[in-house]
PDB file of N, CA and C in Angstrom:
ATOM      1  N   UNK A   1       0.843  -1.183   0.000  1.00  0.00           N
ATOM      2  CA  UNK A   1       0.000   0.000   0.000  1.00  0.00           C
ATOM      3  C   UNK A   1       0.889   1.248   0.000  1.00  0.00           C
ATOM      4  N   UNK A   2       0.534   2.211  -0.806  1.00  0.00           N
ATOM      5  CA  UNK A   2       1.320   3.436  -0.935  1.00  0.00           C
ATOM      6  C   UNK A   2       1.171   4.322   0.297  1.00  0.00           C
ATOM      7  N   UNK A   3       2.256   4.963   0.645  1.00  0.00           N
ATOM      8  CA  UNK A   3       2.248   5.885   1.772  1.00  0.00           C
ATOM      9  C   UNK A   3       1.675   7.229   1.303  1.00  0.00           C
ATOM     10  N   UNK A   4       0.754   7.760   2.063  1.00  0.00           N
ATOM     11  CA  UNK A   4       0.117   9.037   1.728  1.00  0.00           C
ATOM     12  C   UNK A   4       0.862  10.160   2.444  1.00  0.00           C
ATOM     13  N   UNK A   5       1.293  11.145   1.680  1.00  0.00           N
ATOM     14  CA  UNK A   5       2.017  12.277   2.242  1.00  0.00           C
ATOM     15  C   UNK A   5       1.024  13.415   2.478  1.00  0.00           C
ATOM     16  N   UNK A   6       0.407  13.393   3.645  1.00  0.00           N
ATOM     17  CA  UNK A   6      -0.620  14.381   3.965  1.00  0.00           C
ATOM     18  C   UNK A   6      -0.060  15.800   4.031  1.00  0.00           C
ATOM     19  N   UNK A   7       1.176  15.915   4.446  1.00  0.00           N
ATOM     20  CA  UNK A   7       1.797  17.241   4.532  1.00  0.00           C
ATOM     21  C   UNK A   7       1.904  17.872   3.141  1.00  0.00           C
ATOM     22  N   UNK A   8       2.293  17.073   2.148  1.00  0.00           N
ATOM     23  CA  UNK A   8       2.390  17.571   0.777  1.00  0.00           C
ATOM     24  C   UNK A   8       1.005  17.896   0.220  1.00  0.00           C
ATOM     25  N   UNK A   9       0.045  17.052   0.501  1.00  0.00           N
ATOM     26  CA  UNK A   9      -1.332  17.301   0.045  1.00  0.00           C
ATOM     27  C   UNK A   9      -1.836  18.616   0.621  1.00  0.00           C
ATOM     28  N   UNK A  10      -1.605  18.833   1.923  1.00  0.00           N
ATOM     29  CA  UNK A  10      -2.026  20.067   2.592  1.00  0.00           C
ATOM     30  C   UNK A  10      -1.362  21.279   1.938  1.00  0.00           C
ATOM     31  N   UNK A  11      -0.042  21.190   1.733  1.00  0.00           N
ATOM     32  CA  UNK A  11       0.712  22.305   1.159  1.00  0.00           C
ATOM     33  C   UNK A  11       0.231  22.618  -0.260  1.00  0.00           C
ATOM     34  N   UNK A  12       0.032  21.600  -1.077  1.00  0.00           N
ATOM     35  CA  UNK A  12      -0.451  21.800  -2.444  1.00  0.00           C
ATOM     36  C   UNK A  12      -1.845  22.413  -2.458  1.00  0.00           C
ATOM     37  N   UNK A  13      -2.706  21.942  -1.574  1.00  0.00           N
ATOM     38  CA  UNK A  13      -4.071  22.469  -1.477  1.00  0.00           C
ATOM     39  C   UNK A  13      -4.058  23.937  -1.064  1.00  0.00           C
ATOM     40  N   UNK A  14      -3.218  24.256  -0.094  1.00  0.00           N
ATOM     41  CA  UNK A  14      -3.125  25.630   0.385  1.00  0.00           C
ATOM     42  C   UNK A  14      -2.566  26.547  -0.699  1.00  0.00           C
ATOM     43  N   UNK A  15      -1.540  26.099  -1.404  1.00  0.00           N
ATOM     44  CA  UNK A  15      -0.968  26.906  -2.480  1.00  0.00           C
ATOM     45  C   UNK A  15      -2.005  27.176  -3.573  1.00  0.00           C
ATOM     46  N   UNK A  16      -2.806  26.176  -3.883  1.00  0.00           N
ATOM     47  CA  UNK A  16      -3.863  26.333  -4.885  1.00  0.00           C
ATOM     48  C   UNK A  16      -4.879  27.377  -4.437  1.00  0.00           C
ATOM     49  N   UNK A  17      -5.252  27.330  -3.170  1.00  0.00           N
ATOM     50  CA  UNK A  17      -6.210  28.299  -2.633  1.00  0.00           C
ATOM     51  C   UNK A  17      -5.628  29.712  -2.627  1.00  0.00           C
ATOM     52  N   UNK A  18      -4.349  29.838  -2.325  1.00  0.00           N
ATOM     53  CA  UNK A  18      -3.700  31.151  -2.333  1.00  0.00           C
ATOM     54  C   UNK A  18      -3.694  31.727  -3.747  1.00  0.00           C
ATOM     55  N   UNK A  19      -3.377  30.893  -4.742  1.00  0.00           N
ATOM     56  CA  UNK A  19      -3.400  31.349  -6.135  1.00  0.00           C
ATOM     57  C   UNK A  19      -4.802  31.807  -6.533  1.00  0.00           C
ATOM     58  N   UNK A  20      -5.814  31.063  -6.100  1.00  0.00           N
ATOM     59  CA  UNK A  20      -7.202  31.446  -6.388  1.00  0.00           C
ATOM     60  C   UNK A  20      -7.533  32.775  -5.727  1.00  0.00           C
ATOM     61  N   UNK A  21      -7.095  32.972  -4.485  1.00  0.00           N
ATOM     62  CA  UNK A  21      -7.351  34.228  -3.780  1.00  0.00           C
ATOM     63  C   UNK A  21      -6.722  35.405  -4.527  1.00  0.00           C
ATOM     64  N   UNK A  22      -5.495  35.223  -4.983  1.00  0.00           N
ATOM     65  CA  UNK A  22      -4.815  36.307  -5.703  1.00  0.00           C
ATOM     66  C   UNK A  22      -5.577  36.651  -6.983  1.00  0.00           C
ATOM     67  N   UNK A  23      -6.044  35.632  -7.708  1.00  0.00           N
ATOM     68  CA  UNK A  23      -6.829  35.875  -8.920  1.00  0.00           C
ATOM     69  C   UNK A  23      -8.111  36.639  -8.590  1.00  0.00           C
ATOM     70  N   UNK A  24      -8.787  36.243  -7.529  1.00  0.00           N
ATOM     71  CA  UNK A  24     -10.010  36.948  -7.118  1.00  0.00           C
ATOM     72  C   UNK A  24      -9.692  38.377  -6.709  1.00  0.00           C
ATOM     73  N   UNK A  25      -8.608  38.549  -5.985  1.00  0.00           N
ATOM     74  CA  UNK A  25      -8.218  39.867  -5.490  1.00  0.00           C
ATOM     75  C   UNK A  25      -7.890  40.819  -6.638  1.00  0.00           C
ATOM     76  N   UNK A  26      -7.268  40.295  -7.678  1.00  0.00           N
ATOM     77  CA  UNK A  26      -6.857  41.128  -8.800  1.00  0.00           C
ATOM     78  C   UNK A  26      -7.942  41.301  -9.861  1.00  0.00           C
ATOM     79  N   UNK A  27      -9.035  40.571  -9.740  1.00  0.00           N
ATOM     80  CA  UNK A  27     -10.111  40.653 -10.720  1.00  0.00           C
ATOM     81  C   UNK A  27     -11.092  41.761 -10.397  1.00  0.00           C
ATOM     82  N   UNK A  28     -12.174  41.804 -11.161  1.00  0.00           N
ATOM     83  CA  UNK A  28     -13.229  42.777 -10.883  1.00  0.00           C
ATOM     84  C   UNK A  28     -13.853  42.457  -9.538  1.00  0.00           C
ATOM     85  N   UNK A  29     -14.070  43.461  -8.762  1.00  0.00           N
ATOM     86  CA  UNK A  29     -14.577  43.265  -7.412  1.00  0.00           C
ATOM     87  C   UNK A  29     -16.097  43.444  -7.355  1.00  0.00           C
ATOM     88  N   UNK A  30     -16.801  42.487  -7.913  1.00  0.00           N
ATOM     89  CA  UNK A  30     -18.249  42.477  -7.782  1.00  0.00           C
ATOM     90  C   UNK A  30     -18.622  41.883  -6.437  1.00  0.00           C
ATOM     91  N   UNK A  31     -19.894  41.898  -6.110  1.00  0.00           N
ATOM     92  CA  UNK A  31     -20.352  41.404  -4.815  1.00  0.00           C
ATOM     93  C   UNK A  31     -20.018  39.918  -4.633  1.00  0.00           C
ATOM     94  N   UNK A  32     -20.251  39.115  -5.665  1.00  0.00           N
ATOM     95  CA  UNK A  32     -19.979  37.684  -5.546  1.00  0.00           C
ATOM     96  C   UNK A  32     -18.483  37.450  -5.382  1.00  0.00           C
ATOM     97  N   UNK A  33     -17.670  38.152  -6.160  1.00  0.00           N
ATOM     98  CA  UNK A  33     -16.217  38.010  -6.057  1.00  0.00           C
ATOM     99  C   UNK A  33     -15.743  38.444  -4.679  1.00  0.00           C
ATOM    100  N   UNK A  34     -16.288  39.536  -4.170  1.00  0.00           N
ATOM    101  CA  UNK A  34     -15.890  40.020  -2.846  1.00  0.00           C
ATOM    102  C   UNK A  34     -16.224  38.985  -1.776  1.00  0.00           C
ATOM    103  N   UNK A  35     -17.424  38.404  -1.850  1.00  0.00           N
ATOM    104  CA  UNK A  35     -17.847  37.410  -0.859  1.00  0.00           C
ATOM    105  C   UNK A  35     -16.960  36.164  -0.938  1.00  0.00           C
ATOM    106  N   UNK A  36     -16.682  35.698  -2.156  1.00  0.00           N
ATOM    107  CA  UNK A  36     -15.823  34.519  -2.319  1.00  0.00           C
ATOM    108  C   UNK A  36     -14.422  34.813  -1.812  1.00  0.00           C
ATOM    109  N   UNK A  37     -13.915  35.985  -2.114  1.00  0.00           N
ATOM    110  CA  UNK A  37     -12.587  36.386  -1.686  1.00  0.00           C
ATOM    111  C   UNK A  37     -12.518  36.452  -0.158  1.00  0.00           C
ATOM    112  N   UNK A  38     -13.533  37.010   0.455  1.00  0.00           N
ATOM    113  CA  UNK A  38     -13.592  37.123   1.913  1.00  0.00           C
ATOM    114  C   UNK A  38     -13.635  35.750   2.567  1.00  0.00           C
ATOM    115  N   UNK A  39     -14.495  34.872   2.048  1.00  0.00           N
ATOM    116  CA  UNK A  39     -14.603  33.521   2.609  1.00  0.00           C
ATOM    117  C   UNK A  39     -13.294  32.755   2.464  1.00  0.00           C
ATOM    118  N   UNK A  40     -12.651  32.907   1.320  1.00  0.00           N
ATOM    119  CA  UNK A  40     -11.381  32.228   1.082  1.00  0.00           C
ATOM    120  C   UNK A  40     -10.294  32.786   1.993  1.00  0.00           C
ATOM    121  N   UNK A  41     -10.309  34.088   2.215  1.00  0.00           N
ATOM    122  CA  UNK A  41      -9.329  34.705   3.115  1.00  0.00           C
ATOM    123  C   UNK A  41      -9.480  34.166   4.538  1.00  0.00           C
ATOM    124  N   UNK A  42     -10.707  33.999   4.979  1.00  0.00           N
ATOM    125  CA  UNK A  42     -10.952  33.446   6.318  1.00  0.00           C
ATOM    126  C   UNK A  42     -10.418  32.021   6.400  1.00  0.00           C
ATOM    127  N   UNK A  43     -10.725  31.231   5.365  1.00  0.00           N
ATOM    128  CA  UNK A  43     -10.268  29.843   5.341  1.00  0.00           C
ATOM    129  C   UNK A  43      -8.735  29.757   5.318  1.00  0.00           C
ATOM    130  N   UNK A  44      -8.102  30.595   4.524  1.00  0.00           N
ATOM    131  CA  UNK A  44      -6.638  30.579   4.445  1.00  0.00           C
ATOM    132  C   UNK A  44      -5.996  31.065   5.738  1.00  0.00           C
ATOM    133  N   UNK A  45      -6.607  32.015   6.407  1.00  0.00           N
ATOM    134  CA  UNK A  45      -6.102  32.464   7.712  1.00  0.00           C
ATOM    135  C   UNK A  45      -6.164  31.330   8.724  1.00  0.00           C
ATOM    136  N   UNK A  46      -7.258  30.564   8.679  1.00  0.00           N
ATOM    137  CA  UNK A  46      -7.385  29.410   9.570  1.00  0.00           C
ATOM    138  C   UNK A  46      -6.337  28.348   9.236  1.00  0.00           C
ATOM    139  N   UNK A  47      -6.061  28.171   7.940  1.00  0.00           N
ATOM    140  CA  UNK A  47      -5.033  27.204   7.541  1.00  0.00           C
ATOM    141  C   UNK A  47      -3.666  27.646   8.053  1.00  0.00           C
ATOM    142  N   UNK A  48      -3.369  28.944   7.993  1.00  0.00           N
ATOM    143  CA  UNK A  48      -2.117  29.473   8.553  1.00  0.00           C
ATOM    144  C   UNK A  48      -2.020  29.137  10.039  1.00  0.00           C
ATOM    145  N   UNK A  49      -3.119  29.317  10.746  1.00  0.00           N
ATOM    146  CA  UNK A  49      -3.123  29.027  12.184  1.00  0.00           C
ATOM    147  C   UNK A  49      -2.880  27.548  12.447  1.00  0.00           C
ATOM    148  N   UNK A  50      -3.519  26.706  11.645  1.00  0.00           N
ATOM    149  CA  UNK A  50      -3.398  25.260  11.867  1.00  0.00           C
ATOM    150  C   UNK A  50      -2.005  24.735  11.559  1.00  0.00           C
ATOM    151  N   UNK A  51      -1.392  25.237  10.481  1.00  0.00           N
ATOM    152  CA  UNK A  51      -0.076  24.684  10.139  1.00  0.00           C
ATOM    153  C   UNK A  51       1.076  25.515  10.707  1.00  0.00           C
ATOM    154  N   UNK A  52       0.750  26.568  11.446  1.00  0.00           N
ATOM    155  CA  UNK A  52       1.770  27.345  12.140  1.00  0.00           C
ATOM    156  C   UNK A  52       2.643  28.194  11.235  1.00  0.00           C
ATOM    157  N   UNK A  53       2.163  28.455  10.024  1.00  0.00           N
ATOM    158  CA  UNK A  53       2.931  29.300   9.109  1.00  0.00           C
ATOM    159  C   UNK A  53       2.229  30.644   8.971  1.00  0.00           C
ATOM    160  N   UNK A  54       2.844  31.515   8.240  1.00  0.00           N
ATOM    161  CA  UNK A  54       2.243  32.819   7.970  1.00  0.00           C
ATOM    162  C   UNK A  54       2.259  33.069   6.463  1.00  0.00           C
ATOM    163  N   UNK A  55       2.124  31.979   5.683  1.00  0.00           N
ATOM    164  CA  UNK A  55       2.191  32.097   4.230  1.00  0.00           C
ATOM    165  C   UNK A  55       1.135  33.056   3.697  1.00  0.00           C
ATOM    166  N   UNK A  56      -0.107  32.859   4.092  1.00  0.00           N
ATOM    167  CA  UNK A  56      -1.172  33.709   3.587  1.00  0.00           C
ATOM    168  C   UNK A  56      -1.041  35.126   4.129  1.00  0.00           C
ATOM    169  N   UNK A  57      -0.632  35.255   5.362  1.00  0.00           N
ATOM    170  CA  UNK A  57      -0.395  36.581   5.928  1.00  0.00           C
ATOM    171  C   UNK A  57       0.639  37.348   5.121  1.00  0.00           C
ATOM    172  N   UNK A  58       1.663  36.646   4.675  1.00  0.00           N
ATOM    173  CA  UNK A  58       2.694  37.279   3.840  1.00  0.00           C
ATOM    174  C   UNK A  58       2.131  37.699   2.486  1.00  0.00           C
ATOM    175  N   UNK A  59       1.266  36.858   1.914  1.00  0.00           N
ATOM    176  CA  UNK A  59       0.626  37.195   0.636  1.00  0.00           C
ATOM    177  C   UNK A  59      -0.226  38.447   0.802  1.00  0.00           C
ATOM    178  N   UNK A  60      -0.995  38.514   1.869  1.00  0.00           N
ATOM    179  CA  UNK A  60      -1.825  39.703   2.125  1.00  0.00           C
ATOM    180  C   UNK A  60      -0.963  40.951   2.258  1.00  0.00           C
ATOM    181  N   UNK A  61       0.149  40.830   2.953  1.00  0.00           N
ATOM    182  CA  UNK A  61       1.062  41.957   3.123  1.00  0.00           C
ATOM    183  C   UNK A  61       1.601  42.416   1.766  1.00  0.00           C
ATOM    184  N   UNK A  62       2.026  41.447   0.941  1.00  0.00           N
ATOM    185  CA  UNK A  62       2.551  41.780  -0.390  1.00  0.00           C
ATOM    186  C   UNK A  62       1.493  42.447  -1.255  1.00  0.00           C
ATOM    187  N   UNK A  63       0.268  41.940  -1.213  1.00  0.00           N
ATOM    188  CA  UNK A  63      -0.813  42.542  -1.995  1.00  0.00           C
ATOM    189  C   UNK A  63      -1.087  43.970  -1.527  1.00  0.00           C
ATOM    190  N   UNK A  64      -1.038  44.208  -0.232  1.00  0.00           N
ATOM    191  CA  UNK A  64      -1.263  45.544   0.305  1.00  0.00           C
ATOM    192  C   UNK A  64      -0.148  46.488  -0.118  1.00  0.00           C
ATOM    193  N   UNK A  65       1.096  46.007  -0.063  1.00  0.00           N
ATOM    194  CA  UNK A  65       2.242  46.840  -0.456  1.00  0.00           C
ATOM    195  C   UNK A  65       2.154  47.200  -1.936  1.00  0.00           C
ATOM    196  N   UNK A  66       1.757  46.244  -2.781  1.00  0.00           N
ATOM    197  CA  UNK A  66       1.611  46.511  -4.217  1.00  0.00           C
ATOM    198  C   UNK A  66       0.511  47.520  -4.477  1.00  0.00           C
ATOM    199  N   UNK A  67      -0.567  47.440  -3.694  1.00  0.00           N
ATOM    200  CA  UNK A  67      -1.674  48.357  -3.844  1.00  0.00           C
ATOM    201  C   UNK A  67      -1.253  49.783  -3.473  1.00  0.00           C
ATOM    202  N   UNK A  68      -0.472  49.915  -2.415  1.00  0.00           N
ATOM    203  CA  UNK A  68      -0.023  51.226  -1.965  1.00  0.00           C
ATOM    204  C   UNK A  68       0.974  51.859  -2.930  1.00  0.00           C
ATOM    205  N   UNK A  69       1.744  51.030  -3.643  1.00  0.00           N
ATOM    206  CA  UNK A  69       2.721  51.534  -4.588  1.00  0.00           C
ATOM    207  C   UNK A  69       2.071  52.113  -5.838  1.00  0.00           C
ATOM    208  N   UNK A  70       0.876  51.673  -6.156  1.00  0.00           N
ATOM    209  CA  UNK A  70       0.201  52.145  -7.376  1.00  0.00           C
ATOM    210  C   UNK A  70      -0.418  53.482  -7.215  1.00  0.00           C
TER     211      UNK A  70
END
């Protein structure tokens, strides 16, 4: 039986969600997009808490810095 690497699955899933969040963040901000973006941000923040990283927090910081530079 093959060994399942749950840590890799978690990391890949989280990276996919972060990419989706960035696409939503950079797209047109309609009500549905805003709601999806907000829900995804909450979920990613919880994932940061669970895995003890600050990956999504860093992405949010970078997005804010890019916004301020424009």
